[in-house]
Amino acid sequence: MKASKVAQYGLITALALVLSYLESLVPSLGVPGVKLGLPNIAIVFALYRLGWRDACIISLVRVFLVFLLFGNGAGLAYSVVGAALSLALMGLLKKTGKFSSVGVSVAGGVAHNGGQILVAMALLETSRLAWYLPVLWVSGTVAGVLVGIVSGVLVKRVPEVG
């Protein structure tokens, strides 16, 4: 692997970690499970700049580093499943070429929230939590729009490294 690629991985992963930490400093928005999705700015940027495979690697590294630095076991399960569903859907939608970074990001946010609910239902052994999906989908949509706008601007303005 080229040194420039390794440097890009490192920088984008570091950005995602810093954004994860900053997000952890934001007080709860009053609704359990609702977050701003700041680290996804780096992941959507990686998806568009480096490709799906590289975005997956960066996302998984970020998830595990956040777990080691700030997390717990249950949080890891929520993050891994949410990230996997999010990246799968974002990769598929991006590949079609029919969606902007905002549309791709919104779909990723909503898929992440769906993954969180699936993990919660499995851990708590109840399907009753499905009622909470609309709340998370609204927050995932709002966060996805913001993340998509910011990451789209970054893709256009940050120069590519050779």
Foldseek 3Di string as FASTA:
>chain_A
DDPLVVVLLVVLLVQLLVQVVVQVPDPDPPDPPFTLCRSVLSLLLCCVQPNLVSSLVSQVVSLVVCCVPPHDDLSSQLSVQLQVQLSVQLRVVVVVVPDALLVSLLSSLLSSLVSNLVSVCVVVVHPVSVVCSVVSSVSSNVSSNVSSVSSNVCNVPPDDDD
